[in-house]
Amino acid sequence: MLNELQIHGRDIARTVRTRWPVPAREAALFFDLFLLKRSHG
């Protein structure tokens, strides 16, 4: 769910022209859980 909030939250923020800061801890978690697992099947 976190990855969905980050991706779509950023989309919404871009639409309304505001910032969508992502704390480093959340970015690292997203990277680990979503990107690395997808690249390894």
N, C-alpha and C. Protein backbone atom coordinates (compact mmCIF):
# COMPACT_ATOMS: atom_id res chain seq x y z
N MET A 1 0.83 -1.19 0.00
CA MET A 1 0.00 0.00 0.00
C MET A 1 0.87 1.26 0.00
N LEU A 2 2.00 1.20 0.68
CA LEU A 2 2.87 2.37 0.74
C LEU A 2 3.31 2.80 -0.65
N ASN A 3 3.66 1.84 -1.48
CA ASN A 3 4.11 2.20 -2.82
C ASN A 3 3.01 2.88 -3.62
N GLU A 4 1.77 2.45 -3.45
CA GLU A 4 0.64 3.08 -4.14
C GLU A 4 0.46 4.52 -3.68
N LEU A 5 0.58 4.75 -2.39
CA LEU A 5 0.45 6.11 -1.86
C LEU A 5 1.56 7.01 -2.39
N GLN A 6 2.76 6.47 -2.47
CA GLN A 6 3.88 7.28 -2.95
C GLN A 6 3.71 7.61 -4.44
N ILE A 7 3.37 6.63 -5.22
CA ILE A 7 3.25 6.85 -6.66
C ILE A 7 2.08 7.78 -6.98
N HIS A 8 0.91 7.45 -6.46
CA HIS A 8 -0.27 8.24 -6.81
C HIS A 8 -0.32 9.56 -6.05
N GLY A 9 0.25 9.61 -4.88
CA GLY A 9 0.36 10.88 -4.16
C GLY A 9 1.20 11.86 -4.95
N ARG A 10 2.26 11.38 -5.52
CA ARG A 10 3.11 12.24 -6.35
C ARG A 10 2.36 12.70 -7.60
N ASP A 11 1.59 11.81 -8.21
CA ASP A 11 0.78 12.19 -9.37
C ASP A 11 -0.19 13.32 -9.02
N ILE A 12 -0.86 13.18 -7.90
CA ILE A 12 -1.81 14.21 -7.47
C ILE A 12 -1.09 15.51 -7.17
N ALA A 13 0.03 15.43 -6.48
CA ALA A 13 0.80 16.63 -6.15
C ALA A 13 1.25 17.35 -7.42
N ARG A 14 1.67 16.62 -8.41
CA ARG A 14 2.08 17.25 -9.67
C ARG A 14 0.91 17.94 -10.34
N THR A 15 -0.26 17.32 -10.27
CA THR A 15 -1.45 17.91 -10.88
C THR A 15 -1.81 19.24 -10.24
N VAL A 16 -1.72 19.30 -8.92
CA VAL A 16 -2.07 20.55 -8.21
C VAL A 16 -0.85 21.44 -7.99
N ARG A 17 0.27 21.05 -8.58
CA ARG A 17 1.52 21.83 -8.54
C ARG A 17 1.99 22.13 -7.12
N THR A 18 2.14 21.05 -6.38
CA THR A 18 2.69 21.17 -5.04
C THR A 18 3.77 20.11 -4.85
N ARG A 19 4.51 20.23 -3.79
CA ARG A 19 5.59 19.28 -3.52
C ARG A 19 5.01 18.00 -2.91
N TRP A 20 5.72 16.90 -3.12
CA TRP A 20 5.37 15.62 -2.50
C TRP A 20 6.67 15.01 -1.97
N PRO A 21 7.15 15.54 -0.84
CA PRO A 21 8.41 15.03 -0.31
C PRO A 21 8.27 13.59 0.17
N VAL A 22 9.28 12.81 -0.08
CA VAL A 22 9.30 11.41 0.36
C VAL A 22 10.47 11.27 1.33
N PRO A 23 10.16 10.97 2.60
CA PRO A 23 11.24 10.77 3.56
C PRO A 23 12.16 9.62 3.12
N ALA A 24 13.42 9.75 3.40
CA ALA A 24 14.41 8.75 2.98
C ALA A 24 14.04 7.34 3.44
N ARG A 25 13.52 7.22 4.64
CA ARG A 25 13.15 5.89 5.16
C ARG A 25 12.06 5.25 4.30
N GLU A 26 11.06 6.03 3.91
CA GLU A 26 9.98 5.50 3.07
C GLU A 26 10.48 5.17 1.67
N ALA A 27 11.35 6.00 1.14
CA ALA A 27 11.91 5.74 -0.18
C ALA A 27 12.72 4.45 -0.17
N ALA A 28 13.49 4.23 0.87
CA ALA A 28 14.29 3.01 0.98
C ALA A 28 13.40 1.78 1.09
N LEU A 29 12.33 1.89 1.85
CA LEU A 29 11.40 0.77 2.01
C LEU A 29 10.74 0.45 0.67
N PHE A 30 10.30 1.47 -0.04
CA PHE A 30 9.69 1.28 -1.35
C PHE A 30 10.68 0.59 -2.29
N PHE A 31 11.90 1.08 -2.30
CA PHE A 31 12.93 0.51 -3.17
C PHE A 31 13.14 -0.96 -2.85
N ASP A 32 13.26 -1.28 -1.58
CA ASP A 32 13.51 -2.65 -1.16
C ASP A 32 12.33 -3.57 -1.46
N LEU A 33 11.14 -3.17 -1.08
CA LEU A 33 9.98 -4.05 -1.20
C LEU A 33 9.43 -4.14 -2.61
N PHE A 34 9.49 -3.08 -3.35
CA PHE A 34 8.84 -3.06 -4.65
C PHE A 34 9.83 -3.26 -5.80
N LEU A 35 10.80 -2.42 -5.89
CA LEU A 35 11.70 -2.47 -7.04
C LEU A 35 12.61 -3.70 -7.04
N LEU A 36 13.23 -4.01 -5.93
CA LEU A 36 14.14 -5.16 -5.90
C LEU A 36 13.40 -6.47 -6.07
N LYS A 37 12.26 -6.61 -5.46
CA LYS A 37 11.50 -7.86 -5.58
C LYS A 37 10.99 -8.06 -7.01
N ARG A 38 10.61 -6.99 -7.68
CA ARG A 38 10.14 -7.10 -9.07
C ARG A 38 11.29 -7.49 -10.00
N SER A 39 12.48 -7.00 -9.72
CA SER A 39 13.59 -7.30 -10.61
C SER A 39 14.11 -8.73 -10.43
N HIS A 40 13.76 -9.36 -9.31
CA HIS A 40 14.21 -10.73 -9.06
C HIS A 40 13.09 -11.75 -9.22
N GLY A 41 11.97 -11.33 -9.80
CA GLY A 41 10.88 -12.25 -10.07
C GLY A 41 10.01 -12.42 -8.92
